[in-house]
Every structure is written in C-alpha cells, then in structure tokens.
Amino acid sequence: MLADAQIDGRQREIFTAEFDLTDVPRDRFLIAGDAWAQCREGAADPGAFGLSLIKESGMWWIAGNLMRDAAALGNLELLPWDCWGVMPAPNAEIGPDELVLFDLLAGHTGNVDGAFDLLQQLCASDDRLTVPPAVLNAQRRRQEVL
C-alpha cells in the first residue's frame, strides 16, 4: 500500500485528492525507483524531480530517495536530509559503478513484492547502502545517531 502521510488537515482543505490518501492508487504516486528508471531511459527529465522551493533536483536527488525508500522498506524511516553511504551530494556526478548500483536498487524497490528478499540482501551486503548507526544530517551539517 502507498500512503501520503505528509498531507495534514489544512493541506486536505487546499489540495483536493480524488482518492484515499491512506491507500494511494499505484498510478497516482511515482516512487523513486520509477523516477530513476524513467530518467535513465530518457523518458523523463531529472530536473523535474526534487524540491523546487529550494531549487534542488536531478539524478542525485532521485538516488538519495532510492536509498531512503530501500531503508524504509527495511523498517527504518529516515528524514529527507539524512545522508549516508553512496548517497550523492547535491549536483554530484554519479559514476558508472554507482549507476549500476542505483539501477539495481530501482528495480528492487520498484518490484518490492517480487524482489523484497533481494532488496534486503543487497542493502545488508553492500556497505554503500547499509544504514550506519549515525548518519549525516545535511540540514544541521553534523552526524546524528539514529
């Protein structure tokens, strides 16, 4: 199930949703894995994915959300500004090895029903993805223990 837990009562007054926000239809929410795949195929512009308010977007943004999605699927909910491992810095180039890794991560998070065990194995066996006991809080510019 997909849920949009960010929408509060006030936002519900402003933005009318034609569906239940606790059971978002799969075709009404684009997960990071799908955004990654669309951008890699040239079907979407990476600049369309990010946070326009602070003018941050691109493949690095999507890659970070791929990692956060994988962590959340492993029952570890992190904040949008929590960074660790191979997560690219803002506007950083993503190298060929990381592209392969993120392609794999996108496939596993996009097919969680069919690839959940593979996703868990990948995240546990690759230090670049494994969430450490402390992550960088990019907002506060310091390490914080989880």
N, C-alpha and C. Protein backbone atom coordinates (compact mmCIF):
# COMPACT_ATOMS: atom_id res chain seq x y z
N MET A 1 0.84 -1.19 0.00
CA MET A 1 0.00 0.00 0.00
C MET A 1 0.88 1.24 0.00
N LEU A 2 0.45 2.22 -0.70
CA LEU A 2 1.11 3.52 -0.69
C LEU A 2 0.24 4.49 0.11
N ALA A 3 0.89 5.27 0.96
CA ALA A 3 0.17 6.26 1.76
C ALA A 3 0.92 7.58 1.71
N ASP A 4 0.19 8.68 1.74
CA ASP A 4 0.81 10.00 1.80
C ASP A 4 0.56 10.56 3.19
N ALA A 5 1.51 10.29 4.07
CA ALA A 5 1.36 10.70 5.47
C ALA A 5 1.67 12.17 5.69
N GLN A 6 2.17 12.84 4.67
CA GLN A 6 2.55 14.24 4.81
C GLN A 6 1.35 15.19 4.72
N ILE A 7 0.30 14.77 4.09
CA ILE A 7 -0.85 15.64 3.90
C ILE A 7 -1.65 15.72 5.19
N ASP A 8 -1.70 16.92 5.77
CA ASP A 8 -2.45 17.12 7.01
C ASP A 8 -3.83 17.72 6.70
N GLY A 9 -4.57 18.03 7.73
CA GLY A 9 -5.92 18.55 7.57
C GLY A 9 -5.97 19.83 6.75
N ARG A 10 -5.08 20.75 7.00
CA ARG A 10 -5.05 22.02 6.26
C ARG A 10 -4.75 21.78 4.78
N GLN A 11 -3.79 20.92 4.51
CA GLN A 11 -3.46 20.63 3.11
C GLN A 11 -4.62 19.94 2.40
N ARG A 12 -5.36 19.12 3.15
CA ARG A 12 -6.53 18.47 2.54
C ARG A 12 -7.57 19.51 2.12
N GLU A 13 -7.67 20.62 2.87
CA GLU A 13 -8.59 21.70 2.50
C GLU A 13 -8.13 22.40 1.22
N ILE A 14 -6.81 22.55 1.08
CA ILE A 14 -6.25 23.27 -0.07
C ILE A 14 -6.18 22.38 -1.30
N PHE A 15 -5.66 21.18 -1.14
CA PHE A 15 -5.47 20.25 -2.25
C PHE A 15 -6.53 19.15 -2.16
N THR A 16 -7.36 19.08 -3.13
CA THR A 16 -8.38 18.04 -3.13
C THR A 16 -7.83 16.80 -3.82
N ALA A 17 -7.85 15.69 -3.13
CA ALA A 17 -7.43 14.42 -3.70
C ALA A 17 -8.66 13.62 -4.04
N GLU A 18 -8.61 12.99 -5.17
CA GLU A 18 -9.75 12.18 -5.63
C GLU A 18 -9.61 10.73 -5.19
N PHE A 19 -8.77 10.49 -4.20
CA PHE A 19 -8.55 9.13 -3.73
C PHE A 19 -8.19 9.18 -2.25
N ASP A 20 -8.22 8.02 -1.62
CA ASP A 20 -7.89 7.89 -0.20
C ASP A 20 -6.38 8.03 -0.01
N LEU A 21 -5.95 9.01 0.76
CA LEU A 21 -4.52 9.26 0.96
C LEU A 21 -3.83 8.17 1.78
N THR A 22 -4.60 7.29 2.40
CA THR A 22 -4.01 6.16 3.11
C THR A 22 -3.95 4.91 2.24
N ASP A 23 -4.44 5.02 1.01
CA ASP A 23 -4.37 3.92 0.04
C ASP A 23 -4.27 4.54 -1.35
N VAL A 24 -3.14 5.17 -1.61
CA VAL A 24 -2.93 5.90 -2.86
C VAL A 24 -2.84 4.90 -4.02
N PRO A 25 -3.63 5.09 -5.07
CA PRO A 25 -3.54 4.19 -6.23
C PRO A 25 -2.12 4.22 -6.81
N ARG A 26 -1.64 3.07 -7.20
CA ARG A 26 -0.26 2.92 -7.68
C ARG A 26 0.05 3.86 -8.85
N ASP A 27 -0.94 4.17 -9.66
CA ASP A 27 -0.69 5.05 -10.81
C ASP A 27 -0.77 6.54 -10.46
N ARG A 28 -0.97 6.88 -9.18
CA ARG A 28 -1.07 8.28 -8.77
C ARG A 28 0.13 8.75 -7.94
N PHE A 29 1.12 7.88 -7.76
CA PHE A 29 2.30 8.23 -6.99
C PHE A 29 3.52 7.60 -7.65
N LEU A 30 4.49 8.41 -7.98
CA LEU A 30 5.70 7.94 -8.64
C LEU A 30 6.79 7.72 -7.59
N ILE A 31 7.15 6.47 -7.37
CA ILE A 31 8.21 6.17 -6.40
C ILE A 31 9.56 6.48 -7.03
N ALA A 32 10.59 6.61 -6.19
CA ALA A 32 11.93 6.96 -6.66
C ALA A 32 12.46 5.97 -7.69
N GLY A 33 12.18 4.69 -7.50
CA GLY A 33 12.65 3.68 -8.46
C GLY A 33 12.09 3.90 -9.84
N ASP A 34 10.83 4.27 -9.92
CA ASP A 34 10.21 4.53 -11.22
C ASP A 34 10.76 5.82 -11.83
N ALA A 35 10.95 6.85 -11.01
CA ALA A 35 11.53 8.11 -11.50
C ALA A 35 12.93 7.86 -12.04
N TRP A 36 13.73 7.08 -11.29
CA TRP A 36 15.09 6.75 -11.72
C TRP A 36 15.06 6.05 -13.09
N ALA A 37 14.23 5.01 -13.19
CA ALA A 37 14.17 4.24 -14.44
C ALA A 37 13.73 5.13 -15.61
N GLN A 38 12.72 5.97 -15.41
CA GLN A 38 12.25 6.85 -16.47
C GLN A 38 13.35 7.81 -16.92
N CYS A 39 14.10 8.35 -15.98
CA CYS A 39 15.19 9.28 -16.32
C CYS A 39 16.32 8.55 -17.04
N ARG A 40 16.65 7.37 -16.57
CA ARG A 40 17.73 6.60 -17.22
C ARG A 40 17.36 6.20 -18.64
N GLU A 41 16.06 5.98 -18.89
CA GLU A 41 15.59 5.62 -20.23
C GLU A 41 15.41 6.84 -21.12
N GLY A 42 15.51 8.04 -20.54
CA GLY A 42 15.31 9.26 -21.31
C GLY A 42 13.85 9.64 -21.46
N ALA A 43 12.97 8.97 -20.70
CA ALA A 43 11.53 9.24 -20.79
C ALA A 43 11.10 10.37 -19.87
N ALA A 44 11.97 10.80 -18.97
CA ALA A 44 11.64 11.90 -18.04
C ALA A 44 12.89 12.75 -17.82
N ASP A 45 12.66 13.99 -17.46
CA ASP A 45 13.73 14.95 -17.19
C ASP A 45 14.09 14.88 -15.71
N PRO A 46 15.34 14.57 -15.36
CA PRO A 46 15.74 14.51 -13.95
C PRO A 46 15.49 15.83 -13.22
N GLY A 47 15.50 16.93 -13.93
CA GLY A 47 15.25 18.23 -13.32
C GLY A 47 13.82 18.40 -12.83
N ALA A 48 12.94 17.50 -13.24
CA ALA A 48 11.54 17.56 -12.80
C ALA A 48 11.33 16.90 -11.44
N PHE A 49 12.39 16.26 -10.90
CA PHE A 49 12.27 15.53 -9.64
C PHE A 49 13.14 16.19 -8.60
N GLY A 50 12.52 16.66 -7.54
CA GLY A 50 13.26 17.30 -6.46
C GLY A 50 12.35 18.19 -5.65
N LEU A 51 12.92 19.24 -5.13
CA LEU A 51 12.19 20.19 -4.30
C LEU A 51 12.39 21.58 -4.90
N SER A 52 11.39 22.03 -5.62
CA SER A 52 11.51 23.30 -6.35
C SER A 52 11.69 24.49 -5.42
N LEU A 53 11.14 24.43 -4.22
CA LEU A 53 11.24 25.52 -3.27
C LEU A 53 12.70 25.90 -2.97
N ILE A 54 13.57 24.90 -2.90
CA ILE A 54 14.98 25.17 -2.62
C ILE A 54 15.86 24.95 -3.85
N LYS A 55 15.21 24.76 -4.99
CA LYS A 55 15.90 24.60 -6.28
C LYS A 55 16.91 23.45 -6.27
N GLU A 56 16.48 22.32 -5.77
CA GLU A 56 17.30 21.11 -5.79
C GLU A 56 16.55 20.04 -6.56
N SER A 57 17.24 19.46 -7.54
CA SER A 57 16.62 18.40 -8.33
C SER A 57 17.70 17.65 -9.10
N GLY A 58 17.33 16.56 -9.69
CA GLY A 58 18.25 15.83 -10.55
C GLY A 58 18.44 14.39 -10.11
N MET A 59 19.33 13.72 -10.81
CA MET A 59 19.58 12.31 -10.55
C MET A 59 20.12 12.09 -9.13
N TRP A 60 20.93 13.01 -8.64
CA TRP A 60 21.45 12.86 -7.27
C TRP A 60 20.30 12.85 -6.27
N TRP A 61 19.28 13.67 -6.52
CA TRP A 61 18.11 13.76 -5.63
C TRP A 61 17.34 12.44 -5.66
N ILE A 62 17.13 11.93 -6.87
CA ILE A 62 16.39 10.68 -7.02
C ILE A 62 17.16 9.53 -6.37
N ALA A 63 18.48 9.50 -6.57
CA ALA A 63 19.31 8.43 -5.98
C ALA A 63 19.21 8.44 -4.45
N GLY A 64 19.23 9.61 -3.86
CA GLY A 64 19.08 9.70 -2.40
C GLY A 64 17.75 9.15 -1.95
N ASN A 65 16.70 9.44 -2.70
CA ASN A 65 15.38 8.91 -2.34
C ASN A 65 15.27 7.42 -2.59
N LEU A 66 16.01 6.91 -3.56
CA LEU A 66 16.07 5.45 -3.74
C LEU A 66 16.60 4.79 -2.47
N MET A 67 17.66 5.37 -1.93
CA MET A 67 18.25 4.81 -0.72
C MET A 67 17.31 4.94 0.47
N ARG A 68 16.63 6.07 0.58
CA ARG A 68 15.67 6.24 1.69
C ARG A 68 14.49 5.29 1.54
N ASP A 69 14.03 5.06 0.30
CA ASP A 69 12.95 4.10 0.07
C ASP A 69 13.38 2.70 0.50
N ALA A 70 14.60 2.32 0.13
CA ALA A 70 15.10 0.99 0.50
C ALA A 70 15.18 0.85 2.01
N ALA A 71 15.66 1.89 2.69
CA ALA A 71 15.74 1.85 4.15
C ALA A 71 14.34 1.74 4.76
N ALA A 72 13.39 2.50 4.23
CA ALA A 72 12.02 2.47 4.75
C ALA A 72 11.40 1.08 4.55
N LEU A 73 11.69 0.45 3.42
CA LEU A 73 11.17 -0.90 3.20
C LEU A 73 11.80 -1.90 4.17
N GLY A 74 12.94 -1.54 4.75
CA GLY A 74 13.56 -2.35 5.79
C GLY A 74 13.18 -1.89 7.18
N ASN A 75 12.10 -1.12 7.28
CA ASN A 75 11.55 -0.62 8.55
C ASN A 75 12.43 0.41 9.25
N LEU A 76 13.16 1.19 8.47
CA LEU A 76 13.96 2.27 9.04
C LEU A 76 13.60 3.55 8.28
N GLU A 77 12.74 4.35 8.87
CA GLU A 77 12.27 5.59 8.26
C GLU A 77 13.26 6.70 8.58
N LEU A 78 13.83 7.27 7.54
CA LEU A 78 14.81 8.34 7.71
C LEU A 78 14.23 9.66 7.22
N LEU A 79 14.87 10.74 7.62
CA LEU A 79 14.41 12.07 7.23
C LEU A 79 14.98 12.45 5.86
N PRO A 80 14.34 13.36 5.14
CA PRO A 80 14.81 13.74 3.80
C PRO A 80 16.22 14.29 3.78
N TRP A 81 16.72 14.76 4.89
CA TRP A 81 18.06 15.34 4.94
C TRP A 81 19.09 14.39 5.57
N ASP A 82 18.70 13.16 5.85
CA ASP A 82 19.64 12.16 6.36
C ASP A 82 20.42 11.55 5.20
N CYS A 83 21.74 11.55 5.32
CA CYS A 83 22.61 11.08 4.23
C CYS A 83 23.62 10.09 4.77
N TRP A 84 23.96 9.09 3.94
CA TRP A 84 24.96 8.09 4.32
C TRP A 84 25.44 7.37 3.06
N GLY A 85 26.50 6.63 3.23
CA GLY A 85 27.00 5.73 2.20
C GLY A 85 27.25 6.38 0.85
N VAL A 86 26.74 5.75 -0.18
CA VAL A 86 26.98 6.16 -1.56
C VAL A 86 26.02 7.27 -2.02
N MET A 87 25.21 7.76 -1.12
CA MET A 87 24.24 8.80 -1.48
C MET A 87 24.99 10.02 -2.06
N PRO A 88 24.65 10.41 -3.29
CA PRO A 88 25.37 11.53 -3.92
C PRO A 88 25.09 12.87 -3.23
N ALA A 89 26.11 13.69 -3.22
CA ALA A 89 25.98 15.07 -2.73
C ALA A 89 25.20 15.88 -3.76
N PRO A 90 24.65 17.02 -3.36
CA PRO A 90 23.91 17.85 -4.31
C PRO A 90 24.71 18.14 -5.58
N ASN A 91 24.06 17.88 -6.71
CA ASN A 91 24.59 18.13 -8.05
C ASN A 91 25.84 17.33 -8.38
N ALA A 92 26.15 16.30 -7.60
CA ALA A 92 27.32 15.47 -7.86
C ALA A 92 27.08 14.57 -9.07
N GLU A 93 28.16 14.33 -9.80
CA GLU A 93 28.11 13.35 -10.88
C GLU A 93 28.02 11.96 -10.26
N ILE A 94 27.28 11.09 -10.90
CA ILE A 94 27.15 9.72 -10.41
C ILE A 94 27.98 8.84 -11.34
N GLY A 95 28.97 8.15 -10.75
CA GLY A 95 29.88 7.33 -11.53
C GLY A 95 29.25 6.06 -12.07
N PRO A 96 29.94 5.40 -12.99
CA PRO A 96 29.38 4.20 -13.63
C PRO A 96 29.04 3.08 -12.65
N ASP A 97 29.89 2.85 -11.64
CA ASP A 97 29.59 1.80 -10.66
C ASP A 97 28.34 2.13 -9.85
N GLU A 98 28.19 3.39 -9.51
CA GLU A 98 27.01 3.81 -8.75
C GLU A 98 25.75 3.76 -9.62
N LEU A 99 25.89 4.08 -10.91
CA LEU A 99 24.73 3.97 -11.81
C LEU A 99 24.20 2.55 -11.84
N VAL A 100 25.11 1.58 -11.93
CA VAL A 100 24.71 0.17 -11.92
C VAL A 100 24.02 -0.18 -10.60
N LEU A 101 24.60 0.28 -9.49
CA LEU A 101 24.01 0.02 -8.17
C LEU A 101 22.62 0.63 -8.06
N PHE A 102 22.46 1.88 -8.49
CA PHE A 102 21.16 2.53 -8.39
C PHE A 102 20.15 1.92 -9.36
N ASP A 103 20.60 1.45 -10.51
CA ASP A 103 19.71 0.73 -11.43
C ASP A 103 19.14 -0.50 -10.73
N LEU A 104 20.02 -1.24 -10.06
CA LEU A 104 19.60 -2.45 -9.34
C LEU A 104 18.65 -2.09 -8.21
N LEU A 105 18.99 -1.07 -7.46
CA LEU A 105 18.15 -0.62 -6.34
C LEU A 105 16.78 -0.17 -6.85
N ALA A 106 16.75 0.53 -7.96
CA ALA A 106 15.47 0.98 -8.54
C ALA A 106 14.61 -0.22 -8.93
N GLY A 107 15.23 -1.23 -9.51
CA GLY A 107 14.47 -2.42 -9.88
C GLY A 107 13.89 -3.14 -8.69
N HIS A 108 14.69 -3.25 -7.64
CA HIS A 108 14.23 -3.96 -6.44
C HIS A 108 13.15 -3.17 -5.68
N THR A 109 13.32 -1.86 -5.55
CA THR A 109 12.31 -1.08 -4.82
C THR A 109 11.05 -0.93 -5.65
N GLY A 110 11.18 -0.98 -6.96
CA GLY A 110 10.01 -0.87 -7.83
C GLY A 110 9.22 -2.15 -7.92
N ASN A 111 9.82 -3.26 -7.54
CA ASN A 111 9.16 -4.57 -7.58
C ASN A 111 9.28 -5.22 -6.21
N VAL A 112 8.89 -4.48 -5.19
CA VAL A 112 9.11 -4.95 -3.82
C VAL A 112 8.38 -6.26 -3.53
N ASP A 113 7.23 -6.49 -4.15
CA ASP A 113 6.53 -7.75 -3.90
C ASP A 113 7.31 -8.94 -4.45
N GLY A 114 8.00 -8.74 -5.59
CA GLY A 114 8.75 -9.83 -6.20
C GLY A 114 10.22 -9.87 -5.84
N ALA A 115 10.74 -8.77 -5.27
CA ALA A 115 12.18 -8.70 -5.04
C ALA A 115 12.54 -8.25 -3.63
N PHE A 116 11.63 -8.40 -2.69
CA PHE A 116 11.89 -7.92 -1.33
C PHE A 116 13.12 -8.58 -0.71
N ASP A 117 13.23 -9.90 -0.84
CA ASP A 117 14.38 -10.60 -0.26
C ASP A 117 15.67 -10.15 -0.92
N LEU A 118 15.65 -9.93 -2.23
CA LEU A 118 16.84 -9.45 -2.93
C LEU A 118 17.22 -8.05 -2.47
N LEU A 119 16.22 -7.22 -2.25
CA LEU A 119 16.46 -5.86 -1.76
C LEU A 119 17.11 -5.91 -0.38
N GLN A 120 16.57 -6.72 0.50
CA GLN A 120 17.13 -6.83 1.85
C GLN A 120 18.56 -7.36 1.82
N GLN A 121 18.81 -8.36 0.98
CA GLN A 121 20.16 -8.90 0.86
C GLN A 121 21.13 -7.85 0.32
N LEU A 122 20.71 -7.10 -0.69
CA LEU A 122 21.57 -6.08 -1.28
C LEU A 122 21.92 -5.02 -0.24
N CYS A 123 20.92 -4.53 0.48
CA CYS A 123 21.16 -3.47 1.47
C CYS A 123 22.02 -3.95 2.64
N ALA A 124 21.89 -5.22 2.99
CA ALA A 124 22.68 -5.76 4.10
C ALA A 124 24.10 -6.10 3.68
N SER A 125 24.31 -6.41 2.40
CA SER A 125 25.63 -6.89 1.97
C SER A 125 26.49 -5.80 1.33
N ASP A 126 25.92 -4.67 1.01
CA ASP A 126 26.69 -3.61 0.34
C ASP A 126 26.83 -2.43 1.29
N ASP A 127 28.04 -2.21 1.77
CA ASP A 127 28.29 -1.14 2.74
C ASP A 127 27.89 0.24 2.22
N ARG A 128 27.82 0.39 0.92
CA ARG A 128 27.44 1.68 0.35
C ARG A 128 25.96 1.98 0.61
N LEU A 129 25.17 0.94 0.87
CA LEU A 129 23.73 1.11 1.09
C LEU A 129 23.32 0.91 2.54
N THR A 130 24.08 0.13 3.28
CA THR A 130 23.73 -0.18 4.67
C THR A 130 23.69 1.09 5.50
N VAL A 131 22.59 1.29 6.20
CA VAL A 131 22.45 2.48 7.04
C VAL A 131 23.28 2.28 8.30
N PRO A 132 24.25 3.18 8.54
CA PRO A 132 25.10 3.06 9.73
C PRO A 132 24.38 3.54 10.99
N PRO A 133 24.98 3.36 12.16
CA PRO A 133 24.36 3.81 13.41
C PRO A 133 24.18 5.33 13.49
N ALA A 134 24.98 6.08 12.73
CA ALA A 134 24.85 7.54 12.68
C ALA A 134 24.89 7.98 11.22
N VAL A 135 24.07 8.94 10.87
CA VAL A 135 24.03 9.47 9.51
C VAL A 135 24.30 10.98 9.54
N LEU A 136 24.66 11.52 8.40
CA LEU A 136 24.86 12.95 8.29
C LEU A 136 23.51 13.64 8.17
N ASN A 137 23.23 14.55 9.07
CA ASN A 137 22.05 15.40 8.95
C ASN A 137 22.51 16.60 8.12
N ALA A 138 22.15 16.62 6.84
CA ALA A 138 22.62 17.66 5.93
C ALA A 138 22.07 19.03 6.32
N GLN A 139 20.93 19.06 6.97
CA GLN A 139 20.33 20.31 7.41
C GLN A 139 21.17 20.97 8.50
N ARG A 140 21.60 20.15 9.46
CA ARG A 140 22.39 20.65 10.60
C ARG A 140 23.89 20.52 10.38
N ARG A 141 24.27 19.84 9.29
CA ARG A 141 25.68 19.62 8.96
C ARG A 141 26.46 18.93 10.08
N ARG A 142 25.86 17.84 10.58
CA ARG A 142 26.52 17.08 11.63
C ARG A 142 26.02 15.64 11.63
N GLN A 143 26.83 14.77 12.19
CA GLN A 143 26.45 13.37 12.34
C GLN A 143 25.43 13.25 13.47
N GLU A 144 24.44 12.41 13.26
CA GLU A 144 23.44 12.16 14.30
C GLU A 144 23.19 10.67 14.42
N VAL A 145 23.14 10.22 15.66
CA VAL A 145 22.87 8.82 15.94
C VAL A 145 21.40 8.53 15.69
N LEU A 146 21.14 7.42 15.06
CA LEU A 146 19.75 7.03 14.79
C LEU A 146 19.09 6.44 16.00
